[in-house]
PDB file of N, CA and C in Angstrom:
ATOM      1  N   MET A   1      50.568  15.818  -9.948  1.00  0.00           N
ATOM      2  CA  MET A   1      50.334  15.622  -8.528  1.00  0.00           C
ATOM      3  C   MET A   1      48.843  15.372  -8.288  1.00  0.00           C
ATOM      4  N   ALA A   2      48.541  14.455  -7.418  1.00  0.00           N
ATOM      5  CA  ALA A   2      47.156  14.070  -7.130  1.00  0.00           C
ATOM      6  C   ALA A   2      46.426  15.179  -6.381  1.00  0.00           C
ATOM      7  N   ASP A   3      45.108  15.220  -6.585  1.00  0.00           N
ATOM      8  CA  ASP A   3      44.259  16.200  -5.900  1.00  0.00           C
ATOM      9  C   ASP A   3      44.096  15.878  -4.426  1.00  0.00           C
ATOM     10  N   VAL A   4      44.066  14.581  -4.112  1.00  0.00           N
ATOM     11  CA  VAL A   4      43.757  14.117  -2.761  1.00  0.00           C
ATOM     12  C   VAL A   4      44.807  13.086  -2.340  1.00  0.00           C
ATOM     13  N   THR A   5      45.192  13.162  -1.071  1.00  0.00           N
ATOM     14  CA  THR A   5      46.045  12.133  -0.479  1.00  0.00           C
ATOM     15  C   THR A   5      45.181  11.330   0.477  1.00  0.00           C
ATOM     16  N   VAL A   6      45.255  10.012   0.361  1.00  0.00           N
ATOM     17  CA  VAL A   6      44.479   9.126   1.221  1.00  0.00           C
ATOM     18  C   VAL A   6      45.442   8.304   2.067  1.00  0.00           C
ATOM     19  N   TYR A   7      45.341   8.478   3.376  1.00  0.00           N
ATOM     20  CA  TYR A   7      46.096   7.635   4.301  1.00  0.00           C
ATOM     21  C   TYR A   7      45.260   6.379   4.485  1.00  0.00           C
ATOM     22  N   HIS A   8      45.808   5.272   4.012  1.00  0.00           N
ATOM     23  CA  HIS A   8      45.042   4.054   3.756  1.00  0.00           C
ATOM     24  C   HIS A   8      45.644   2.844   4.454  1.00  0.00           C
ATOM     25  N   ASN A   9      44.761   1.982   4.927  1.00  0.00           N
ATOM     26  CA  ASN A   9      45.148   0.671   5.436  1.00  0.00           C
ATOM     27  C   ASN A   9      44.409  -0.350   4.581  1.00  0.00           C
ATOM     28  N   PRO A  10      45.130  -1.142   3.786  1.00  0.00           N
ATOM     29  CA  PRO A  10      44.459  -2.082   2.885  1.00  0.00           C
ATOM     30  C   PRO A  10      43.687  -3.187   3.596  1.00  0.00           C
ATOM     31  N   ASN A  11      43.861  -3.324   4.904  1.00  0.00           N
ATOM     32  CA  ASN A  11      43.102  -4.329   5.658  1.00  0.00           C
ATOM     33  C   ASN A  11      41.809  -3.769   6.230  1.00  0.00           C
ATOM     34  N   CYS A  12      41.523  -2.516   5.964  1.00  0.00           N
ATOM     35  CA  CYS A  12      40.343  -1.848   6.524  1.00  0.00           C
ATOM     36  C   CYS A  12      39.268  -1.706   5.460  1.00  0.00           C
ATOM     37  N   GLY A  13      38.084  -2.224   5.751  1.00  0.00           N
ATOM     38  CA  GLY A  13      36.965  -2.133   4.812  1.00  0.00           C
ATOM     39  C   GLY A  13      36.565  -0.701   4.510  1.00  0.00           C
ATOM     40  N   SER A  14      36.518   0.141   5.516  1.00  0.00           N
ATOM     41  CA  SER A  14      36.142   1.551   5.293  1.00  0.00           C
ATOM     42  C   SER A  14      37.156   2.247   4.406  1.00  0.00           C
ATOM     43  N   SER A  15      38.405   1.912   4.597  1.00  0.00           N
ATOM     44  CA  SER A  15      39.462   2.508   3.795  1.00  0.00           C
ATOM     45  C   SER A  15      39.361   2.044   2.335  1.00  0.00           C
ATOM     46  N   LYS A  16      39.120   0.758   2.134  1.00  0.00           N
ATOM     47  CA  LYS A  16      38.943   0.238   0.773  1.00  0.00           C
ATOM     48  C   LYS A  16      37.714   0.861   0.112  1.00  0.00           C
ATOM     49  N   ASN A  17      36.632   1.032   0.878  1.00  0.00           N
ATOM     50  CA  ASN A  17      35.418   1.656   0.338  1.00  0.00           C
ATOM     51  C   ASN A  17      35.671   3.099  -0.091  1.00  0.00           C
ATOM     52  N   ALA A  18      36.508   3.799   0.666  1.00  0.00           N
ATOM     53  CA  ALA A  18      36.830   5.186   0.314  1.00  0.00           C
ATOM     54  C   ALA A  18      37.550   5.236  -1.031  1.00  0.00           C
ATOM     55  N   LEU A  19      38.501   4.345  -1.241  1.00  0.00           N
ATOM     56  CA  LEU A  19      39.211   4.322  -2.523  1.00  0.00           C
ATOM     57  C   LEU A  19      38.270   3.981  -3.672  1.00  0.00           C
ATOM     58  N   ALA A  20      37.374   3.032  -3.446  1.00  0.00           N
ATOM     59  CA  ALA A  20      36.410   2.662  -4.492  1.00  0.00           C
ATOM     60  C   ALA A  20      35.520   3.848  -4.835  1.00  0.00           C
ATOM     61  N   LEU A  21      35.096   4.598  -3.825  1.00  0.00           N
ATOM     62  CA  LEU A  21      34.253   5.769  -4.067  1.00  0.00           C
ATOM     63  C   LEU A  21      35.026   6.838  -4.831  1.00  0.00           C
ATOM     64  N   LEU A  22      36.268   7.062  -4.469  1.00  0.00           N
ATOM     65  CA  LEU A  22      37.083   8.040  -5.202  1.00  0.00           C
ATOM     66  C   LEU A  22      37.244   7.620  -6.661  1.00  0.00           C
ATOM     67  N   ASP A  23      37.413   6.316  -6.897  1.00  0.00           N
ATOM     68  CA  ASP A  23      37.485   5.820  -8.278  1.00  0.00           C
ATOM     69  C   ASP A  23      36.189   6.109  -9.021  1.00  0.00           C
ATOM     70  N   GLU A  24      35.059   5.828  -8.371  1.00  0.00           N
ATOM     71  CA  GLU A  24      33.745   6.096  -8.982  1.00  0.00           C
ATOM     72  C   GLU A  24      33.579   7.563  -9.335  1.00  0.00           C
ATOM     73  N   LEU A  25      34.082   8.423  -8.464  1.00  0.00           N
ATOM     74  CA  LEU A  25      33.948   9.869  -8.657  1.00  0.00           C
ATOM     75  C   LEU A  25      34.980  10.427  -9.630  1.00  0.00           C
ATOM     76  N   GLY A  26      35.920   9.595 -10.056  1.00  0.00           N
ATOM     77  CA  GLY A  26      36.948  10.039 -10.995  1.00  0.00           C
ATOM     78  C   GLY A  26      37.973  10.974 -10.373  1.00  0.00           C
ATOM     79  N   VAL A  27      38.212  10.830  -9.088  1.00  0.00           N
ATOM     80  CA  VAL A  27      39.151  11.701  -8.374  1.00  0.00           C
ATOM     81  C   VAL A  27      40.567  11.157  -8.511  1.00  0.00           C
ATOM     82  N   ASP A  28      41.497  12.050  -8.811  1.00  0.00           N
ATOM     83  CA  ASP A  28      42.912  11.693  -8.859  1.00  0.00           C
ATOM     84  C   ASP A  28      43.440  11.716  -7.427  1.00  0.00           C
ATOM     85  N   TYR A  29      43.940  10.589  -6.948  1.00  0.00           N
ATOM     86  CA  TYR A  29      44.402  10.524  -5.560  1.00  0.00           C
ATOM     87  C   TYR A  29      45.703   9.753  -5.450  1.00  0.00           C
ATOM     88  N   GLU A  30      46.400  10.050  -4.378  1.00  0.00           N
ATOM     89  CA  GLU A  30      47.634   9.346  -4.023  1.00  0.00           C
ATOM     90  C   GLU A  30      47.352   8.557  -2.761  1.00  0.00           C
ATOM     91  N   VAL A  31      47.802   7.318  -2.722  1.00  0.00           N
ATOM     92  CA  VAL A  31      47.616   6.471  -1.544  1.00  0.00           C
ATOM     93  C   VAL A  31      48.907   6.457  -0.729  1.00  0.00           C
ATOM     94  N   VAL A  32      48.763   6.688   0.560  1.00  0.00           N
ATOM     95  CA  VAL A  32      49.876   6.546   1.488  1.00  0.00           C
ATOM     96  C   VAL A  32      49.518   5.397   2.427  1.00  0.00           C
ATOM     97  N   LEU A  33      50.306   4.360   2.378  1.00  0.00           N
ATOM     98  CA  LEU A  33      50.119   3.228   3.295  1.00  0.00           C
ATOM     99  C   LEU A  33      50.779   3.634   4.611  1.00  0.00           C
ATOM    100  N   TYR A  34      49.990   4.294   5.454  1.00  0.00           N
ATOM    101  CA  TYR A  34      50.558   4.970   6.624  1.00  0.00           C
ATOM    102  C   TYR A  34      51.175   4.035   7.651  1.00  0.00           C
ATOM    103  N   LEU A  35      50.842   2.750   7.617  1.00  0.00           N
ATOM    104  CA  LEU A  35      51.492   1.824   8.542  1.00  0.00           C
ATOM    105  C   LEU A  35      52.926   1.514   8.084  1.00  0.00           C
ATOM    106  N   LYS A  36      53.162   1.616   6.779  1.00  0.00           N
ATOM    107  CA  LYS A  36      54.510   1.401   6.235  1.00  0.00           C
ATOM    108  C   LYS A  36      55.275   2.711   6.113  1.00  0.00           C
ATOM    109  N   THR A  37      54.556   3.768   5.760  1.00  0.00           N
ATOM    110  CA  THR A  37      55.168   5.084   5.580  1.00  0.00           C
ATOM    111  C   THR A  37      54.353   6.101   6.379  1.00  0.00           C
ATOM    112  N   PRO A  38      54.565   6.155   7.675  1.00  0.00           N
ATOM    113  CA  PRO A  38      53.753   7.052   8.496  1.00  0.00           C
ATOM    114  C   PRO A  38      54.093   8.521   8.247  1.00  0.00           C
ATOM    115  N   PRO A  39      53.103   9.385   8.431  1.00  0.00           N
ATOM    116  CA  PRO A  39      53.377  10.821   8.299  1.00  0.00           C
ATOM    117  C   PRO A  39      54.326  11.267   9.413  1.00  0.00           C
ATOM    118  N   ASP A  40      55.236  12.184   9.071  1.00  0.00           N
ATOM    119  CA  ASP A  40      56.142  12.704  10.085  1.00  0.00           C
ATOM    120  C   ASP A  40      55.406  13.751  10.935  1.00  0.00           C
ATOM    121  N   ARG A  41      56.091  14.239  11.951  1.00  0.00           N
ATOM    122  CA  ARG A  41      55.477  15.174  12.896  1.00  0.00           C
ATOM    123  C   ARG A  41      54.925  16.423  12.196  1.00  0.00           C
ATOM    124  N   SER A  42      55.677  17.012  11.285  1.00  0.00           N
ATOM    125  CA  SER A  42      55.198  18.235  10.633  1.00  0.00           C
ATOM    126  C   SER A  42      53.973  17.957   9.762  1.00  0.00           C
ATOM    127  N   THR A  43      53.934  16.802   9.124  1.00  0.00           N
ATOM    128  CA  THR A  43      52.753  16.428   8.331  1.00  0.00           C
ATOM    129  C   THR A  43      51.555  16.231   9.250  1.00  0.00           C
ATOM    130  N   LEU A  44      51.762  15.561  10.369  1.00  0.00           N
ATOM    131  CA  LEU A  44      50.668  15.383  11.337  1.00  0.00           C
ATOM    132  C   LEU A  44      50.169  16.728  11.852  1.00  0.00           C
ATOM    133  N   GLU A  45      51.066  17.649  12.095  1.00  0.00           N
ATOM    134  CA  GLU A  45      50.658  18.982  12.572  1.00  0.00           C
ATOM    135  C   GLU A  45      49.796  19.683  11.533  1.00  0.00           C
ATOM    136  N   ARG A  46      50.164  19.570  10.255  1.00  0.00           N
ATOM    137  CA  ARG A  46      49.358  20.182   9.184  1.00  0.00           C
ATOM    138  C   ARG A  46      47.986  19.509   9.079  1.00  0.00           C
ATOM    139  N   ILE A  47      47.969  18.170   9.189  1.00  0.00           N
ATOM    140  CA  ILE A  47      46.701  17.440   9.119  1.00  0.00           C
ATOM    141  C   ILE A  47      45.786  17.867  10.259  1.00  0.00           C
ATOM    142  N   VAL A  48      46.326  17.886  11.462  1.00  0.00           N
ATOM    143  CA  VAL A  48      45.537  18.264  12.642  1.00  0.00           C
ATOM    144  C   VAL A  48      45.010  19.691  12.506  1.00  0.00           C
ATOM    145  N   ALA A  49      45.846  20.591  12.004  1.00  0.00           N
ATOM    146  CA  ALA A  49      45.435  21.994  11.850  1.00  0.00           C
ATOM    147  C   ALA A  49      44.290  22.148  10.848  1.00  0.00           C
ATOM    148  N   GLY A  50      44.244  21.270   9.832  1.00  0.00           N
ATOM    149  CA  GLY A  50      43.211  21.374   8.808  1.00  0.00           C
ATOM    150  C   GLY A  50      42.059  20.405   8.973  1.00  0.00           C
ATOM    151  N   LEU A  51      42.041  19.658  10.067  1.00  0.00           N
ATOM    152  CA  LEU A  51      41.031  18.619  10.252  1.00  0.00           C
ATOM    153  C   LEU A  51      39.636  19.205  10.442  1.00  0.00           C
ATOM    154  N   ASP A  52      38.701  18.699   9.664  1.00  0.00           N
ATOM    155  CA  ASP A  52      37.293  19.064   9.807  1.00  0.00           C
ATOM    156  C   ASP A  52      36.688  18.128  10.854  1.00  0.00           C
ATOM    157  N   GLY A  53      36.517  18.645  12.035  1.00  0.00           N
ATOM    158  CA  GLY A  53      35.970  17.846  13.121  1.00  0.00           C
ATOM    159  C   GLY A  53      36.891  17.896  14.323  1.00  0.00           C
ATOM    160  N   PRO A  54      36.442  17.318  15.405  1.00  0.00           N
ATOM    161  CA  PRO A  54      37.240  17.327  16.629  1.00  0.00           C
ATOM    162  C   PRO A  54      38.561  16.573  16.455  1.00  0.00           C
ATOM    163  N   VAL A  55      39.634  17.170  16.944  1.00  0.00           N
ATOM    164  CA  VAL A  55      40.963  16.591  16.789  1.00  0.00           C
ATOM    165  C   VAL A  55      41.060  15.197  17.404  1.00  0.00           C
ATOM    166  N   GLN A  56      40.346  14.962  18.485  1.00  0.00           N
ATOM    167  CA  GLN A  56      40.417  13.654  19.146  1.00  0.00           C
ATOM    168  C   GLN A  56      39.865  12.529  18.268  1.00  0.00           C
ATOM    169  N   ASP A  57      39.053  12.879  17.274  1.00  0.00           N
ATOM    170  CA  ASP A  57      38.507  11.860  16.372  1.00  0.00           C
ATOM    171  C   ASP A  57      39.582  11.230  15.490  1.00  0.00           C
ATOM    172  N   LEU A  58      40.739  11.872  15.396  1.00  0.00           N
ATOM    173  CA  LEU A  58      41.827  11.339  14.587  1.00  0.00           C
ATOM    174  C   LEU A  58      42.481  10.129  15.250  1.00  0.00           C
ATOM    175  N   VAL A  59      42.182   9.920  16.535  1.00  0.00           N
ATOM    176  CA  VAL A  59      42.758   8.805  17.289  1.00  0.00           C
ATOM    177  C   VAL A  59      41.743   7.670  17.362  1.00  0.00           C
ATOM    178  N   ARG A  60      42.191   6.483  16.945  1.00  0.00           N
ATOM    179  CA  ARG A  60      41.341   5.293  17.052  1.00  0.00           C
ATOM    180  C   ARG A  60      41.270   4.867  18.512  1.00  0.00           C
ATOM    181  N   LYS A  61      40.074   4.737  19.037  1.00  0.00           N
ATOM    182  CA  LYS A  61      39.881   4.272  20.420  1.00  0.00           C
ATOM    183  C   LYS A  61      39.518   2.795  20.376  1.00  0.00           C
ATOM    184  N   ASP A  62      40.445   1.980  19.906  1.00  0.00           N
ATOM    185  CA  ASP A  62      40.196   0.556  19.715  1.00  0.00           C
ATOM    186  C   ASP A  62      40.854  -0.266  20.821  1.00  0.00           C
ATOM    187  N   SER A  63      40.957  -1.560  20.607  1.00  0.00           N
ATOM    188  CA  SER A  63      41.533  -2.437  21.637  1.00  0.00           C
ATOM    189  C   SER A  63      43.000  -2.090  21.901  1.00  0.00           C
ATOM    190  N   ARG A  64      43.718  -1.660  20.897  1.00  0.00           N
ATOM    191  CA  ARG A  64      45.116  -1.249  21.092  1.00  0.00           C
ATOM    192  C   ARG A  64      45.181  -0.037  22.027  1.00  0.00           C
ATOM    193  N   PHE A  65      44.318   0.914  21.801  1.00  0.00           N
ATOM    194  CA  PHE A  65      44.237   2.115  22.636  1.00  0.00           C
ATOM    195  C   PHE A  65      43.989   1.711  24.084  1.00  0.00           C
ATOM    196  N   GLU A  66      43.035   0.815  24.266  1.00  0.00           N
ATOM    197  CA  GLU A  66      42.699   0.345  25.618  1.00  0.00           C
ATOM    198  C   GLU A  66      43.849  -0.442  26.237  1.00  0.00           C
ATOM    199  N   LYS A  67      44.482  -1.303  25.438  1.00  0.00           N
ATOM    200  CA  LYS A  67      45.593  -2.116  25.930  1.00  0.00           C
ATOM    201  C   LYS A  67      46.742  -1.227  26.423  1.00  0.00           C
ATOM    202  N   LEU A  68      46.941  -0.090  25.759  1.00  0.00           N
ATOM    203  CA  LEU A  68      47.985   0.844  26.164  1.00  0.00           C
ATOM    204  C   LEU A  68      47.591   1.657  27.399  1.00  0.00           C
ATOM    205  N   GLY A  69      46.328   1.493  27.828  1.00  0.00           N
ATOM    206  CA  GLY A  69      45.857   2.190  29.026  1.00  0.00           C
ATOM    207  C   GLY A  69      45.703   3.690  28.832  1.00  0.00           C
ATOM    208  N   LEU A  70      45.390   4.095  27.613  1.00  0.00           N
ATOM    209  CA  LEU A  70      45.258   5.517  27.309  1.00  0.00           C
ATOM    210  C   LEU A  70      43.882   6.043  27.716  1.00  0.00           C
ATOM    211  N   ASP A  71      43.843   7.317  28.049  1.00  0.00           N
ATOM    212  CA  ASP A  71      42.615   7.980  28.473  1.00  0.00           C
ATOM    213  C   ASP A  71      42.083   8.825  27.319  1.00  0.00           C
ATOM    214  N   PRO A  72      40.891   8.524  26.802  1.00  0.00           N
ATOM    215  CA  PRO A  72      40.349   9.290  25.678  1.00  0.00           C
ATOM    216  C   PRO A  72      40.254  10.786  25.968  1.00  0.00           C
ATOM    217  N   ASP A  73      39.999  11.141  27.211  1.00  0.00           N
ATOM    218  CA  ASP A  73      39.865  12.556  27.559  1.00  0.00           C
ATOM    219  C   ASP A  73      41.178  13.318  27.418  1.00  0.00           C
ATOM    220  N   ALA A  74      42.295  12.623  27.406  1.00  0.00           N
ATOM    221  CA  ALA A  74      43.603  13.264  27.294  1.00  0.00           C
ATOM    222  C   ALA A  74      43.833  13.879  25.912  1.00  0.00           C
ATOM    223  N   TYR A  75      42.955  13.562  24.948  1.00  0.00           N
ATOM    224  CA  TYR A  75      43.137  14.030  23.576  1.00  0.00           C
ATOM    225  C   TYR A  75      42.047  15.013  23.135  1.00  0.00           C
ATOM    226  N   VAL A  76      41.066  15.233  23.975  1.00  0.00           N
ATOM    227  CA  VAL A  76      39.954  16.122  23.643  1.00  0.00           C
ATOM    228  C   VAL A  76      40.466  17.559  23.547  1.00  0.00           C
ATOM    229  N   GLY A  77      40.348  18.129  22.340  1.00  0.00           N
ATOM    230  CA  GLY A  77      40.745  19.516  22.134  1.00  0.00           C
ATOM    231  C   GLY A  77      42.232  19.778  22.330  1.00  0.00           C
ATOM    232  N   ARG A  78      43.044  18.734  22.211  1.00  0.00           N
ATOM    233  CA  ARG A  78      44.489  18.872  22.443  1.00  0.00           C
ATOM    234  C   ARG A  78      45.280  18.402  21.226  1.00  0.00           C
ATOM    235  N   PRO A  79      45.388  19.262  20.214  1.00  0.00           N
ATOM    236  CA  PRO A  79      46.086  18.857  18.995  1.00  0.00           C
ATOM    237  C   PRO A  79      47.515  18.386  19.243  1.00  0.00           C
ATOM    238  N   GLU A  80      48.224  19.035  20.153  1.00  0.00           N
ATOM    239  CA  GLU A  80      49.612  18.642  20.413  1.00  0.00           C
ATOM    240  C   GLU A  80      49.694  17.229  20.991  1.00  0.00           C
ATOM    241  N   ALA A  81      48.719  16.852  21.808  1.00  0.00           N
ATOM    242  CA  ALA A  81      48.700  15.494  22.379  1.00  0.00           C
ATOM    243  C   ALA A  81      48.401  14.462  21.296  1.00  0.00           C
ATOM    244  N   VAL A  82      47.513  14.798  20.369  1.00  0.00           N
ATOM    245  CA  VAL A  82      47.188  13.885  19.265  1.00  0.00           C
ATOM    246  C   VAL A  82      48.414  13.688  18.374  1.00  0.00           C
ATOM    247  N   VAL A  83      49.104  14.780  18.041  1.00  0.00           N
ATOM    248  CA  VAL A  83      50.305  14.684  17.206  1.00  0.00           C
ATOM    249  C   VAL A  83      51.365  13.834  17.903  1.00  0.00           C
ATOM    250  N   GLU A  84      51.567  14.068  19.180  1.00  0.00           N
ATOM    251  CA  GLU A  84      52.559  13.299  19.931  1.00  0.00           C
ATOM    252  C   GLU A  84      52.223  11.801  19.919  1.00  0.00           C
ATOM    253  N   LEU A  85      50.966  11.472  20.192  1.00  0.00           N
ATOM    254  CA  LEU A  85      50.552  10.072  20.219  1.00  0.00           C
ATOM    255  C   LEU A  85      50.731   9.408  18.858  1.00  0.00           C
ATOM    256  N   LEU A  86      50.255  10.069  17.806  1.00  0.00           N
ATOM    257  CA  LEU A  86      50.327   9.468  16.472  1.00  0.00           C
ATOM    258  C   LEU A  86      51.756   9.429  15.936  1.00  0.00           C
ATOM    259  N   SER A  87      52.613  10.302  16.434  1.00  0.00           N
ATOM    260  CA  SER A  87      54.031  10.241  16.077  1.00  0.00           C
ATOM    261  C   SER A  87      54.671   8.988  16.651  1.00  0.00           C
ATOM    262  N   ARG A  88      54.211   8.586  17.816  1.00  0.00           N
ATOM    263  CA  ARG A  88      54.752   7.393  18.489  1.00  0.00           C
ATOM    264  C   ARG A  88      54.090   6.103  18.025  1.00  0.00           C
ATOM    265  N   ASP A  89      52.783   6.168  17.719  1.00  0.00           N
ATOM    266  CA  ASP A  89      52.028   4.945  17.429  1.00  0.00           C
ATOM    267  C   ASP A  89      51.101   5.158  16.229  1.00  0.00           C
ATOM    268  N   LYS A  90      51.649   4.914  15.055  1.00  0.00           N
ATOM    269  CA  LYS A  90      50.919   5.163  13.801  1.00  0.00           C
ATOM    270  C   LYS A  90      49.653   4.326  13.669  1.00  0.00           C
ATOM    271  N   ALA A  91      49.596   3.176  14.319  1.00  0.00           N
ATOM    272  CA  ALA A  91      48.422   2.298  14.209  1.00  0.00           C
ATOM    273  C   ALA A  91      47.184   2.910  14.857  1.00  0.00           C
ATOM    274  N   LEU A  92      47.368   3.931  15.670  1.00  0.00           N
ATOM    275  CA  LEU A  92      46.218   4.565  16.324  1.00  0.00           C
ATOM    276  C   LEU A  92      45.588   5.672  15.487  1.00  0.00           C
ATOM    277  N   MET A  93      46.102   5.907  14.275  1.00  0.00           N
ATOM    278  CA  MET A  93      45.513   6.937  13.421  1.00  0.00           C
ATOM    279  C   MET A  93      44.236   6.410  12.772  1.00  0.00           C
ATOM    280  N   GLN A  94      43.199   7.203  12.855  1.00  0.00           N
ATOM    281  CA  GLN A  94      41.914   6.837  12.255  1.00  0.00           C
ATOM    282  C   GLN A  94      42.065   6.772  10.740  1.00  0.00           C
ATOM    283  N   ARG A  95      41.306   5.918  10.130  1.00  0.00           N
ATOM    284  CA  ARG A  95      41.351   5.734   8.687  1.00  0.00           C
ATOM    285  C   ARG A  95      39.948   5.558   8.133  1.00  0.00           C
ATOM    286  N   PRO A  96      39.775   5.836   6.892  1.00  0.00           N
ATOM    287  CA  PRO A  96      40.709   6.499   6.001  1.00  0.00           C
ATOM    288  C   PRO A  96      40.771   7.992   6.316  1.00  0.00           C
ATOM    289  N   LEU A  97      41.916   8.555   6.088  1.00  0.00           N
ATOM    290  CA  LEU A  97      42.117   9.984   6.273  1.00  0.00           C
ATOM    291  C   LEU A  97      42.385  10.576   4.900  1.00  0.00           C
ATOM    292  N   LEU A  98      41.601  11.585   4.532  1.00  0.00           N
ATOM    293  CA  LEU A  98      41.756  12.221   3.231  1.00  0.00           C
ATOM    294  C   LEU A  98      42.238  13.647   3.436  1.00  0.00           C
ATOM    295  N   VAL A  99      43.230  14.036   2.642  1.00  0.00           N
ATOM    296  CA  VAL A  99      43.798  15.378   2.731  1.00  0.00           C
ATOM    297  C   VAL A  99      43.737  16.007   1.348  1.00  0.00           C
ATOM    298  N   ARG A 100      43.270  17.255   1.312  1.00  0.00           N
ATOM    299  CA  ARG A 100      43.179  17.997   0.055  1.00  0.00           C
ATOM    300  C   ARG A 100      43.513  19.440   0.357  1.00  0.00           C
ATOM    301  N   GLY A 101      44.582  19.918  -0.241  1.00  0.00           N
ATOM    302  CA  GLY A 101      45.019  21.272   0.079  1.00  0.00           C
ATOM    303  C   GLY A 101      45.374  21.317   1.559  1.00  0.00           C
ATOM    304  N   GLY A 102      44.894  22.308   2.249  1.00  0.00           N
ATOM    305  CA  GLY A 102      45.155  22.426   3.680  1.00  0.00           C
ATOM    306  C   GLY A 102      44.068  21.828   4.544  1.00  0.00           C
ATOM    307  N   LYS A 103      43.156  21.084   3.949  1.00  0.00           N
ATOM    308  CA  LYS A 103      42.024  20.506   4.689  1.00  0.00           C
ATOM    309  C   LYS A 103      42.155  18.992   4.789  1.00  0.00           C
ATOM    310  N   ALA A 104      41.534  18.433   5.834  1.00  0.00           N
ATOM    311  CA  ALA A 104      41.566  16.980   6.036  1.00  0.00           C
ATOM    312  C   ALA A 104      40.238  16.527   6.635  1.00  0.00           C
ATOM    313  N   ILE A 105      39.833  15.319   6.267  1.00  0.00           N
ATOM    314  CA  ILE A 105      38.660  14.691   6.883  1.00  0.00           C
ATOM    315  C   ILE A 105      38.946  13.222   7.133  1.00  0.00           C
ATOM    316  N   ILE A 106      38.235  12.691   8.090  1.00  0.00           N
ATOM    317  CA  ILE A 106      38.188  11.247   8.273  1.00  0.00           C
ATOM    318  C   ILE A 106      37.046  10.780   7.376  1.00  0.00           C
ATOM    319  N   GLY A 107      37.327   9.820   6.510  1.00  0.00           N
ATOM    320  CA  GLY A 107      36.348   9.381   5.514  1.00  0.00           C
ATOM    321  C   GLY A 107      35.329   8.394   6.042  1.00  0.00           C
ATOM    322  N   ARG A 108      34.850   8.630   7.238  1.00  0.00           N
ATOM    323  CA  ARG A 108      33.788   7.828   7.855  1.00  0.00           C
ATOM    324  C   ARG A 108      32.711   8.776   8.327  1.00  0.00           C
ATOM    325  N   PRO A 109      31.518   8.562   7.995  1.00  0.00           N
ATOM    326  CA  PRO A 109      31.048   7.625   6.974  1.00  0.00           C
ATOM    327  C   PRO A 109      31.467   8.100   5.593  1.00  0.00           C
ATOM    328  N   LYS A 110      31.460   7.184   4.645  1.00  0.00           N
ATOM    329  CA  LYS A 110      31.947   7.505   3.295  1.00  0.00           C
ATOM    330  C   LYS A 110      31.126   8.586   2.617  1.00  0.00           C
ATOM    331  N   GLU A 111      29.941   8.843   3.117  1.00  0.00           N
ATOM    332  CA  GLU A 111      29.091   9.892   2.538  1.00  0.00           C
ATOM    333  C   GLU A 111      29.693  11.277   2.705  1.00  0.00           C
ATOM    334  N   ARG A 112      30.689  11.415   3.564  1.00  0.00           N
ATOM    335  CA  ARG A 112      31.384  12.699   3.742  1.00  0.00           C
ATOM    336  C   ARG A 112      32.321  13.007   2.577  1.00  0.00           C
ATOM    337  N   ILE A 113      32.737  11.977   1.860  1.00  0.00           N
ATOM    338  CA  ILE A 113      33.798  12.125   0.875  1.00  0.00           C
ATOM    339  C   ILE A 113      33.404  12.948  -0.349  1.00  0.00           C
ATOM    340  N   PRO A 114      32.249  12.731  -0.984  1.00  0.00           N
ATOM    341  CA  PRO A 114      31.956  13.480  -2.211  1.00  0.00           C
ATOM    342  C   PRO A 114      31.999  15.001  -2.039  1.00  0.00           C
ATOM    343  N   ALA A 115      31.454  15.525  -0.980  1.00  0.00           N
ATOM    344  CA  ALA A 115      31.482  16.976  -0.773  1.00  0.00           C
ATOM    345  C   ALA A 115      32.920  17.466  -0.563  1.00  0.00           C
ATOM    346  N   PHE A 116      33.735  16.650   0.093  1.00  0.00           N
ATOM    347  CA  PHE A 116      35.116  17.040   0.361  1.00  0.00           C
ATOM    348  C   PHE A 116      35.942  17.139  -0.914  1.00  0.00           C
ATOM    349  N   VAL A 117      35.710  16.245  -1.841  1.00  0.00           N
ATOM    350  CA  VAL A 117      36.513  16.212  -3.068  1.00  0.00           C
ATOM    351  C   VAL A 117      35.914  17.022  -4.217  1.00  0.00           C
ATOM    352  N   ALA A 118      34.721  17.576  -4.013  1.00  0.00           N
ATOM    353  CA  ALA A 118      34.043  18.337  -5.086  1.00  0.00           C
ATOM    354  C   ALA A 118      34.745  19.643  -5.362  1.00  0.00           C
TER     355      ALA A 118
END
C-alpha cells in the first residue's frame, strides 16, 4: 500500500509538478484521478477532518464556482458545507490534494510537500 494518496488532475500543471516532486523524493504514492473516481462522502469527511489549513481552501474558487453563483463565505469554517459541495461537484476540489494517514494537505505551493511526506 502506498504511503501517500494524491488526488490528481492530469490537466493541471501544479498537480503534475506534485507527482514529479514525489518521484524525486522517492515517495511511494497512489494516484486517484478524482474527476473519474471522485472520493465518496465518507472519504471527503475524513479528508476535511485531517486537512492542514482552512477547510474552505479545499474548494476551488474558479470560473466554474462563479458560474454556479456560489458564495465563498458560505464555506468558511464549515466542513459540512465543503463536503456537501464537493460531493455534488467534484471539479471544485482543489488540487493536488495529498493524503497521508489521517492528514491531508493541498500541494500548493509544492514547497509544502516535502515536509508533509517526510
